[in-house]
Amino acid sequence: MTKDSVRACASVPVAEGAGGRTSAGALGDRAQEEQWSYERFAEVLLSTEACARDSHNGEGRIKAARSPARKTLEEFDFAFSAA
């Protein structure tokens, strides 16, 4: 995922349904309430789908790697490292 796509995902106004997934129906309702143009609705809907796919694909690659635990840099103990 590129920096531009991360920024785009962060700027997408989402309408989350059950399980944190964005519902096209909920997004459609929001578009009607806020009177979005068809182009704006399509842009948000497709951006939301692309962001969800990118996120899901990353999770799939992590799971396929069969790492014992998922760690972040914040969790790394630099004091323990001998380097």
N, C-alpha and C. Protein backbone atom coordinates (compact mmCIF):
# COMPACT_ATOMS: atom_id res chain seq x y z
N MET A 1 0.85 -1.17 0.00
CA MET A 1 0.00 0.00 0.00
C MET A 1 0.91 1.24 0.00
N THR A 2 0.66 2.14 -0.91
CA THR A 2 1.49 3.34 -1.02
C THR A 2 1.03 4.40 -0.02
N LYS A 3 1.87 5.42 0.17
CA LYS A 3 1.50 6.51 1.09
C LYS A 3 0.26 7.23 0.61
N ASP A 4 0.13 7.39 -0.72
CA ASP A 4 -1.06 8.06 -1.26
C ASP A 4 -2.32 7.26 -0.99
N SER A 5 -2.24 5.93 -1.13
CA SER A 5 -3.43 5.11 -0.90
C SER A 5 -3.77 5.08 0.59
N VAL A 6 -2.76 5.14 1.47
CA VAL A 6 -3.03 5.20 2.90
C VAL A 6 -3.74 6.50 3.24
N ARG A 7 -3.27 7.61 2.66
CA ARG A 7 -3.92 8.90 2.87
C ARG A 7 -5.34 8.87 2.35
N ALA A 8 -5.54 8.25 1.19
CA ALA A 8 -6.88 8.16 0.61
C ALA A 8 -7.79 7.34 1.51
N CYS A 9 -7.29 6.24 2.06
CA CYS A 9 -8.10 5.40 2.95
C CYS A 9 -8.47 6.17 4.21
N ALA A 10 -7.56 6.94 4.73
CA ALA A 10 -7.83 7.69 5.95
C ALA A 10 -8.85 8.79 5.71
N SER A 11 -8.94 9.30 4.48
CA SER A 11 -9.84 10.41 4.20
C SER A 11 -11.22 9.96 3.73
N VAL A 12 -11.42 8.66 3.55
CA VAL A 12 -12.71 8.17 3.07
C VAL A 12 -13.72 8.19 4.21
N PRO A 13 -14.84 8.89 4.03
CA PRO A 13 -15.87 8.87 5.07
C PRO A 13 -16.63 7.55 4.99
N VAL A 14 -16.49 6.72 6.00
CA VAL A 14 -17.09 5.39 5.95
C VAL A 14 -18.33 5.31 6.81
N ALA A 15 -19.20 4.39 6.44
CA ALA A 15 -20.38 4.07 7.23
C ALA A 15 -20.24 2.61 7.58
N GLU A 16 -19.82 2.33 8.80
CA GLU A 16 -19.52 0.96 9.18
C GLU A 16 -20.77 0.23 9.64
N GLY A 17 -20.84 -1.02 9.23
CA GLY A 17 -21.93 -1.89 9.63
C GLY A 17 -21.43 -2.89 10.66
N ALA A 18 -22.11 -4.01 10.74
CA ALA A 18 -21.74 -5.05 11.69
C ALA A 18 -20.35 -5.57 11.38
N GLY A 19 -19.55 -5.77 12.39
CA GLY A 19 -18.20 -6.29 12.20
C GLY A 19 -17.22 -5.29 11.63
N GLY A 20 -17.57 -4.01 11.61
CA GLY A 20 -16.66 -3.00 11.13
C GLY A 20 -16.63 -2.89 9.61
N ARG A 21 -17.40 -3.69 8.91
CA ARG A 21 -17.43 -3.65 7.46
C ARG A 21 -18.33 -2.53 6.99
N THR A 22 -17.95 -1.90 5.91
CA THR A 22 -18.76 -0.82 5.37
C THR A 22 -19.88 -1.40 4.53
N SER A 23 -21.08 -0.98 4.80
CA SER A 23 -22.24 -1.45 4.08
C SER A 23 -22.55 -0.49 2.94
N ALA A 24 -22.73 -1.04 1.75
CA ALA A 24 -23.06 -0.19 0.60
C ALA A 24 -24.40 0.50 0.83
N GLY A 25 -25.33 -0.21 1.48
CA GLY A 25 -26.63 0.39 1.78
C GLY A 25 -26.50 1.56 2.73
N ALA A 26 -25.69 1.40 3.78
CA ALA A 26 -25.49 2.49 4.73
C ALA A 26 -24.79 3.66 4.06
N LEU A 27 -23.85 3.35 3.17
CA LEU A 27 -23.16 4.40 2.44
C LEU A 27 -24.13 5.11 1.50
N GLY A 28 -25.03 4.34 0.89
CA GLY A 28 -26.05 4.93 0.02
C GLY A 28 -26.98 5.85 0.79
N ASP A 29 -27.37 5.43 2.00
CA ASP A 29 -28.22 6.27 2.84
C ASP A 29 -27.53 7.58 3.18
N ARG A 30 -26.25 7.47 3.51
CA ARG A 30 -25.49 8.68 3.85
C ARG A 30 -25.37 9.60 2.64
N ALA A 31 -25.15 9.00 1.47
CA ALA A 31 -25.04 9.79 0.25
C ALA A 31 -26.34 10.53 -0.03
N GLN A 32 -27.47 9.87 0.21
CA GLN A 32 -28.76 10.53 0.02
C GLN A 32 -28.95 11.68 1.00
N GLU A 33 -28.62 11.43 2.26
CA GLU A 33 -28.79 12.46 3.29
C GLU A 33 -27.94 13.69 3.00
N GLU A 34 -26.70 13.44 2.54
CA GLU A 34 -25.77 14.55 2.29
C GLU A 34 -25.81 15.03 0.85
N GLN A 35 -26.70 14.44 0.04
CA GLN A 35 -26.91 14.81 -1.35
C GLN A 35 -25.61 14.77 -2.17
N TRP A 36 -24.92 13.63 -2.08
CA TRP A 36 -23.72 13.44 -2.87
C TRP A 36 -24.10 13.28 -4.34
N SER A 37 -23.19 13.68 -5.21
CA SER A 37 -23.38 13.40 -6.64
C SER A 37 -23.09 11.92 -6.89
N TYR A 38 -23.52 11.42 -8.05
CA TYR A 38 -23.24 10.02 -8.38
C TYR A 38 -21.74 9.77 -8.43
N GLU A 39 -21.00 10.75 -8.92
CA GLU A 39 -19.55 10.60 -9.01
C GLU A 39 -18.92 10.49 -7.62
N ARG A 40 -19.38 11.33 -6.69
CA ARG A 40 -18.85 11.30 -5.32
C ARG A 40 -19.18 9.96 -4.65
N PHE A 41 -20.42 9.47 -4.85
CA PHE A 41 -20.81 8.19 -4.27
C PHE A 41 -19.95 7.07 -4.82
N ALA A 42 -19.75 7.05 -6.13
CA ALA A 42 -18.92 6.01 -6.75
C ALA A 42 -17.48 6.09 -6.25
N GLU A 43 -16.96 7.31 -6.12
CA GLU A 43 -15.60 7.51 -5.64
C GLU A 43 -15.43 6.96 -4.22
N VAL A 44 -16.36 7.29 -3.33
CA VAL A 44 -16.27 6.84 -1.94
C VAL A 44 -16.47 5.34 -1.86
N LEU A 45 -17.44 4.81 -2.59
CA LEU A 45 -17.71 3.38 -2.57
C LEU A 45 -16.50 2.58 -3.05
N LEU A 46 -15.91 3.00 -4.17
CA LEU A 46 -14.75 2.28 -4.71
C LEU A 46 -13.51 2.46 -3.84
N SER A 47 -13.33 3.64 -3.28
CA SER A 47 -12.19 3.86 -2.37
C SER A 47 -12.31 3.00 -1.13
N THR A 48 -13.52 2.90 -0.61
CA THR A 48 -13.76 2.08 0.57
C THR A 48 -13.46 0.62 0.27
N GLU A 49 -13.91 0.15 -0.88
CA GLU A 49 -13.66 -1.24 -1.29
C GLU A 49 -12.16 -1.49 -1.47
N ALA A 50 -11.46 -0.56 -2.12
CA ALA A 50 -10.02 -0.72 -2.34
C ALA A 50 -9.27 -0.74 -1.02
N CYS A 51 -9.65 0.12 -0.08
CA CYS A 51 -8.99 0.15 1.23
C CYS A 51 -9.24 -1.16 1.99
N ALA A 52 -10.48 -1.64 1.92
CA ALA A 52 -10.81 -2.89 2.61
C ALA A 52 -10.03 -4.06 2.02
N ARG A 53 -9.89 -4.09 0.70
CA ARG A 53 -9.13 -5.16 0.05
C ARG A 53 -7.65 -5.08 0.42
N ASP A 54 -7.09 -3.88 0.40
CA ASP A 54 -5.68 -3.73 0.77
C ASP A 54 -5.45 -4.20 2.20
N SER A 55 -6.33 -3.83 3.10
CA SER A 55 -6.20 -4.22 4.49
C SER A 55 -6.33 -5.72 4.65
N HIS A 56 -7.32 -6.29 3.99
CA HIS A 56 -7.56 -7.73 4.09
C HIS A 56 -6.40 -8.53 3.48
N ASN A 57 -5.86 -8.05 2.36
CA ASN A 57 -4.74 -8.74 1.73
C ASN A 57 -3.51 -8.73 2.62
N GLY A 58 -3.27 -7.63 3.29
CA GLY A 58 -2.13 -7.56 4.22
C GLY A 58 -2.29 -8.53 5.36
N GLU A 59 -3.49 -8.62 5.91
CA GLU A 59 -3.75 -9.57 6.99
C GLU A 59 -3.55 -11.00 6.50
N GLY A 60 -3.97 -11.27 5.28
CA GLY A 60 -3.80 -12.61 4.71
C GLY A 60 -2.34 -12.99 4.55
N ARG A 61 -1.53 -12.03 4.12
CA ARG A 61 -0.08 -12.30 3.97
C ARG A 61 0.57 -12.55 5.32
N ILE A 62 0.15 -11.82 6.34
CA ILE A 62 0.70 -12.02 7.69
C ILE A 62 0.31 -13.41 8.19
N LYS A 63 -0.94 -13.80 7.98
CA LYS A 63 -1.41 -15.11 8.41
C LYS A 63 -0.68 -16.22 7.65
N ALA A 64 -0.46 -16.03 6.34
CA ALA A 64 0.22 -17.04 5.53
C ALA A 64 1.68 -17.21 5.93
N ALA A 65 2.29 -16.17 6.49
CA ALA A 65 3.68 -16.25 6.93
C ALA A 65 3.83 -17.13 8.16
N ARG A 66 2.74 -17.38 8.87
CA ARG A 66 2.71 -18.22 10.07
C ARG A 66 3.72 -17.76 11.13
N SER A 67 3.80 -16.47 11.29
CA SER A 67 4.66 -15.92 12.34
C SER A 67 4.06 -16.27 13.70
N PRO A 68 4.91 -16.49 14.71
CA PRO A 68 4.38 -16.87 16.01
C PRO A 68 3.54 -15.77 16.66
N ALA A 69 3.90 -14.52 16.45
CA ALA A 69 3.14 -13.41 17.03
C ALA A 69 3.34 -12.17 16.18
N ARG A 70 2.32 -11.34 16.14
CA ARG A 70 2.41 -10.09 15.39
C ARG A 70 2.97 -9.02 16.31
N LYS A 71 4.06 -8.39 15.90
CA LYS A 71 4.73 -7.37 16.72
C LYS A 71 4.80 -6.06 15.94
N THR A 72 4.84 -4.97 16.67
CA THR A 72 5.03 -3.65 16.09
C THR A 72 6.34 -3.08 16.63
N LEU A 73 6.81 -2.01 16.03
CA LEU A 73 8.04 -1.37 16.51
C LEU A 73 7.87 -0.85 17.93
N GLU A 74 6.65 -0.43 18.27
CA GLU A 74 6.41 0.08 19.61
C GLU A 74 6.59 -1.01 20.67
N GLU A 75 6.34 -2.27 20.30
CA GLU A 75 6.46 -3.38 21.24
C GLU A 75 7.88 -3.94 21.32
N PHE A 76 8.77 -3.54 20.40
CA PHE A 76 10.12 -4.08 20.37
C PHE A 76 10.93 -3.55 21.54
N ASP A 77 11.65 -4.41 22.21
CA ASP A 77 12.49 -4.04 23.36
C ASP A 77 13.91 -3.76 22.85
N PHE A 78 14.23 -2.49 22.58
CA PHE A 78 15.54 -2.13 22.06
C PHE A 78 16.63 -2.31 23.10
N ALA A 79 16.31 -2.22 24.37
CA ALA A 79 17.29 -2.41 25.44
C ALA A 79 17.77 -3.84 25.50
N PHE A 80 16.92 -4.79 25.14
CA PHE A 80 17.26 -6.20 25.17
C PHE A 80 18.19 -6.57 24.01
N SER A 81 18.10 -5.83 22.91
CA SER A 81 18.90 -6.11 21.72
C SER A 81 20.38 -5.91 21.99
N ALA A 82 21.21 -6.84 21.55
CA ALA A 82 22.66 -6.76 21.78
C ALA A 82 23.34 -5.82 20.79
N ALA A 83 22.68 -5.46 19.72
CA ALA A 83 23.29 -4.62 18.69
C ALA A 83 23.41 -3.25 19.13
